[in-house]
């Protein structure tokens, strides 16, 4: 796949929204966002000095799998900090969230939004505890981090296109947190408890409840 053409903005509402204006293989970064977005309509607190990056790709038939590709990309990029991945795509350092990933689509384009806490982490009410690179004495600018992520994303997408999801799945599981342990999964209408058994070949979370196995395709996961 080709390299991304990068557009850097001082400020925007959301890099994902800006990215929707561009065809595939473009990347948008911004120093600040005024209306950053997280999963399930949540607000993404966009503190200055952090990374706000969105990339565009041709819309694939298996777009949901790119959530795992993106998570693996960031985990590989931050490998020097021993990151873990919380299903499906939150990146944790020492059990605290440092990166969130949001996928959106248009009729023709897949947008992958990546937010990484570099200088600061949210301090108000949050769903998960948070951290930032500065907390771990990691000195990396948003520009440097964006370039590394883009390089690794190209590599991971090429690998996926050549070898399929099984290779991505295997690598993702090496970073996964909570395998074989009790977890809580919050769904819109119910909360489930069980043992996190792994990831199936569609990316669904495998949850063991007594003698029942459930495959979860969307939800918020909490370690117990």
Protein backbone atom coordinates (compact mmCIF):
# COMPACT_ATOMS: atom_id res chain seq x y z
CA UNK A 1 0.00 0.00 0.00
CA UNK A 2 1.21 3.58 -0.57
CA UNK A 3 2.47 5.89 2.15
CA UNK A 4 0.08 8.36 3.71
CA UNK A 5 -0.02 12.00 2.67
CA UNK A 6 -0.01 13.94 5.95
CA UNK A 7 -2.05 17.08 6.69
CA UNK A 8 -1.22 18.91 9.92
CA UNK A 9 -3.73 21.29 11.50
CA UNK A 10 -3.34 23.67 14.42
CA UNK A 11 -6.91 23.02 15.52
CA UNK A 12 -10.02 21.23 14.31
CA UNK A 13 -13.25 19.86 15.71
CA UNK A 14 -12.15 16.26 15.17
CA UNK A 15 -9.41 14.72 13.05
CA UNK A 16 -11.84 11.94 12.10
CA UNK A 17 -14.26 14.52 10.73
CA UNK A 18 -11.44 16.24 8.83
CA UNK A 19 -10.27 12.90 7.46
CA UNK A 20 -13.70 12.27 5.96
CA UNK A 21 -12.93 15.09 3.52
CA UNK A 22 -9.99 13.17 2.05
CA UNK A 23 -9.71 10.09 -0.16
CA UNK A 24 -7.83 6.97 0.97
CA UNK A 25 -4.18 7.09 2.04
CA UNK A 26 -4.31 10.47 3.74
CA UNK A 27 -3.53 11.24 7.38
CA UNK A 28 -4.71 14.19 9.46
CA UNK A 29 -3.10 15.36 12.69
CA UNK A 30 -4.03 18.31 14.88
CA UNK A 31 -2.47 20.05 17.85
CA UNK A 32 -5.87 20.37 19.53
CA UNK A 33 -9.44 19.21 18.92
CA UNK A 34 -12.55 21.06 20.04
CA UNK A 35 -14.91 18.09 19.67
CA UNK A 36 -12.83 14.94 19.91
CA UNK A 37 -14.78 11.67 19.82
CA UNK A 38 -14.42 8.36 21.57
CA UNK A 39 -16.31 5.09 21.21
CA UNK A 40 -20.07 4.98 21.70
CA UNK A 41 -20.45 8.73 21.32
CA UNK A 42 -18.22 9.56 24.27
CA UNK A 43 -16.17 12.75 24.30
CA UNK A 44 -12.42 12.37 23.85
CA UNK A 45 -10.67 14.95 26.01
CA UNK A 46 -8.20 16.63 23.65
CA UNK A 47 -5.41 18.05 25.77
CA UNK A 48 -2.63 20.03 24.10
CA UNK A 49 0.60 18.12 23.54
CA UNK A 50 -1.10 14.80 22.91
CA UNK A 51 -1.48 12.96 19.61
CA UNK A 52 -4.65 13.22 17.54
CA UNK A 53 -4.28 11.24 14.32
CA UNK A 54 -6.75 9.95 11.73
CA UNK A 55 -5.99 7.99 8.58
CA UNK A 56 -8.11 7.09 5.57
CA UNK A 57 -8.18 3.75 3.77
CA UNK A 58 -10.34 2.25 1.02
CA UNK A 59 -13.42 0.78 2.71
CA UNK A 60 -12.82 -2.98 3.04
CA UNK A 61 -15.50 -5.63 3.48
CA UNK A 62 -13.89 -6.64 6.79
CA UNK A 63 -13.51 -3.13 8.23
CA UNK A 64 -14.02 -4.24 11.85
CA UNK A 65 -10.79 -6.26 11.76
CA UNK A 66 -8.83 -3.05 11.25
CA UNK A 67 -9.59 -2.19 14.86
CA UNK A 68 -7.23 -5.00 15.88
CA UNK A 69 -4.66 -4.01 13.25
CA UNK A 70 -4.63 -0.46 14.61
CA UNK A 71 -4.33 -1.64 18.21
CA UNK A 72 -1.47 -3.95 17.30
CA UNK A 73 0.22 -1.09 15.45
CA UNK A 74 0.16 1.20 18.49
CA UNK A 75 1.24 -1.61 20.81
CA UNK A 76 4.22 -2.36 18.57
CA UNK A 77 5.07 1.35 18.41
CA UNK A 78 5.02 1.65 22.22
CA UNK A 79 6.71 -1.70 22.73
CA UNK A 80 9.48 -0.16 24.85
CA UNK A 81 6.85 0.47 27.58
CA UNK A 82 5.52 -3.12 27.67
CA UNK A 83 1.97 -2.15 26.62
CA UNK A 84 -1.06 -4.40 26.85
CA UNK A 85 -4.22 -4.36 24.74
CA UNK A 86 -7.64 -4.41 26.36
CA UNK A 87 -10.25 -5.79 23.98
CA UNK A 88 -10.84 -4.62 21.41
CA UNK A 89 -8.35 -1.77 20.97
CA UNK A 90 -7.51 0.18 24.13
CA UNK A 91 -3.78 0.39 24.83
CA UNK A 92 -2.76 0.15 28.48
CA UNK A 93 0.48 0.89 30.29
CA UNK A 94 0.61 -0.56 33.83
CA UNK A 95 -3.13 -1.16 33.60
CA UNK A 96 -3.97 2.44 32.70
CA UNK A 97 -5.30 3.63 29.34
CA UNK A 98 -2.88 5.59 27.21
CA UNK A 99 -4.49 5.26 23.78
CA UNK A 100 -7.96 5.00 22.32
CA UNK A 101 -8.92 4.04 18.78
CA UNK A 102 -12.12 4.90 16.91
CA UNK A 103 -13.16 3.47 13.54
CA UNK A 104 -15.71 5.23 11.35
CA UNK A 105 -16.78 4.76 7.75
CA UNK A 106 -18.17 6.69 4.82
CA UNK A 107 -19.63 5.11 1.68
CA UNK A 108 -16.13 4.57 0.29
CA UNK A 109 -13.63 5.15 3.09
CA UNK A 110 -12.53 3.66 6.40
CA UNK A 111 -11.28 6.21 8.93
CA UNK A 112 -9.09 5.08 11.80
CA UNK A 113 -8.74 7.64 14.58
CA UNK A 114 -5.92 7.21 17.09
CA UNK A 115 -5.51 9.31 20.22
CA UNK A 116 -2.43 8.89 22.43
CA UNK A 117 -1.79 10.67 25.73
CA UNK A 118 1.72 12.07 25.47
CA UNK A 119 2.04 15.09 27.77
CA UNK A 120 -1.09 14.77 29.90
CA UNK A 121 -3.94 12.40 30.71
CA UNK A 122 -7.56 13.26 31.56
CA UNK A 123 -8.09 13.95 35.25
CA UNK A 124 -11.89 14.28 35.42
CA UNK A 125 -14.43 11.44 35.63
CA UNK A 126 -13.30 8.73 33.20
CA UNK A 127 -14.43 5.19 32.45
CA UNK A 128 -10.90 3.82 32.95
CA UNK A 129 -7.81 5.05 34.76
CA UNK A 130 -5.51 6.92 32.38
CA UNK A 131 -1.83 7.64 31.96
CA UNK A 132 0.49 9.39 29.49
CA UNK A 133 3.98 8.91 28.07
CA UNK A 134 5.36 11.66 30.29
CA UNK A 135 4.31 9.66 33.37
CA UNK A 136 6.72 6.96 32.19
CA UNK A 137 9.60 9.30 31.31
CA UNK A 138 9.09 8.67 27.60
CA UNK A 139 10.18 11.70 25.59
CA UNK A 140 8.45 11.64 22.21
CA UNK A 141 6.78 14.44 20.30
CA UNK A 142 3.37 14.06 18.66
CA UNK A 143 5.01 14.38 15.24
CA UNK A 144 7.59 11.68 15.98
CA UNK A 145 4.94 9.36 17.37
CA UNK A 146 2.61 9.94 14.41
CA UNK A 147 5.39 9.10 11.94
CA UNK A 148 6.26 5.89 13.79
CA UNK A 149 2.61 4.83 13.98
CA UNK A 150 2.07 5.48 10.27
CA UNK A 151 5.15 3.45 9.32
CA UNK A 152 4.06 0.55 11.51
CA UNK A 153 0.46 0.75 10.28
CA UNK A 154 1.59 0.33 6.69
CA UNK A 155 3.64 -2.71 7.72
CA UNK A 156 0.77 -4.30 9.68
CA UNK A 157 -1.78 -3.72 6.91
CA UNK A 158 0.54 -5.25 4.34
CA UNK A 159 1.06 -8.25 6.62
CA UNK A 160 -2.70 -8.62 7.09
CA UNK A 161 -3.35 -8.43 3.36
CA UNK A 162 -0.67 -11.04 2.67
CA UNK A 163 -1.31 -13.53 5.50
CA UNK A 164 -4.83 -12.84 6.73
CA UNK A 165 -6.32 -12.16 10.13
CA UNK A 166 -4.90 -15.28 11.80
CA UNK A 167 -1.45 -13.66 11.93
CA UNK A 168 -2.86 -10.40 13.33
CA UNK A 169 -4.93 -12.37 15.84
CA UNK A 170 -1.90 -14.32 17.06
CA UNK A 171 0.15 -11.14 17.54
CA UNK A 172 -2.78 -9.30 19.17
CA UNK A 173 -3.19 -12.12 21.71
CA UNK A 174 0.46 -11.76 22.72
CA UNK A 175 -0.34 -8.23 23.90
CA UNK A 176 -3.81 -8.98 25.28
CA UNK A 177 -4.58 -8.36 28.93
CA UNK A 178 -6.92 -10.55 30.95
CA UNK A 179 -6.67 -13.83 29.03
CA UNK A 180 -7.83 -16.67 31.29
CA UNK A 181 -9.00 -14.22 33.97
CA UNK A 182 -12.43 -13.04 35.16
CA UNK A 183 -13.77 -9.96 33.41
CA UNK A 184 -16.90 -7.84 33.32
CA UNK A 185 -18.41 -6.93 29.95
CA UNK A 186 -20.90 -4.07 29.95
CA UNK A 187 -23.39 -4.22 27.10
CA UNK A 188 -26.16 -1.68 26.38
CA UNK A 189 -28.82 -3.82 28.09
CA UNK A 190 -26.91 -6.18 30.36
CA UNK A 191 -23.66 -6.75 32.20
CA UNK A 192 -21.91 -10.08 31.81
CA UNK A 193 -19.29 -11.80 33.96
CA UNK A 194 -17.09 -14.68 32.96
CA UNK A 195 -13.60 -15.80 31.97
CA UNK A 196 -11.90 -14.14 29.01
CA UNK A 197 -11.02 -17.14 26.85
CA UNK A 198 -9.53 -15.29 23.90
CA UNK A 199 -10.40 -13.97 20.46
CA UNK A 200 -12.23 -15.86 17.73
CA UNK A 201 -11.42 -15.65 14.03
CA UNK A 202 -13.83 -12.74 13.55
CA UNK A 203 -12.35 -10.66 16.38
CA UNK A 204 -15.17 -11.38 18.83
CA UNK A 205 -14.31 -11.76 22.52
CA UNK A 206 -14.81 -15.32 23.77
CA UNK A 207 -16.45 -15.26 27.22
CA UNK A 208 -16.87 -18.47 29.23
CA UNK A 209 -19.77 -18.45 31.68
CA UNK A 210 -19.97 -21.74 33.59
CA UNK A 211 -20.78 -24.18 30.76
CA UNK A 212 -21.78 -21.48 28.27
CA UNK A 213 -19.51 -19.83 25.72
CA UNK A 214 -20.53 -16.42 24.39
CA UNK A 215 -18.96 -14.48 21.55
CA UNK A 216 -19.11 -10.72 22.21
CA UNK A 217 -18.78 -8.34 19.27
CA UNK A 218 -19.17 -5.03 21.13
CA UNK A 219 -19.00 -3.88 24.74
CA UNK A 220 -16.88 -2.29 27.46
CA UNK A 221 -14.50 -4.66 29.20
CA UNK A 222 -13.32 -4.29 32.80
CA UNK A 223 -10.77 -6.45 34.59
CA UNK A 224 -11.93 -7.99 37.87
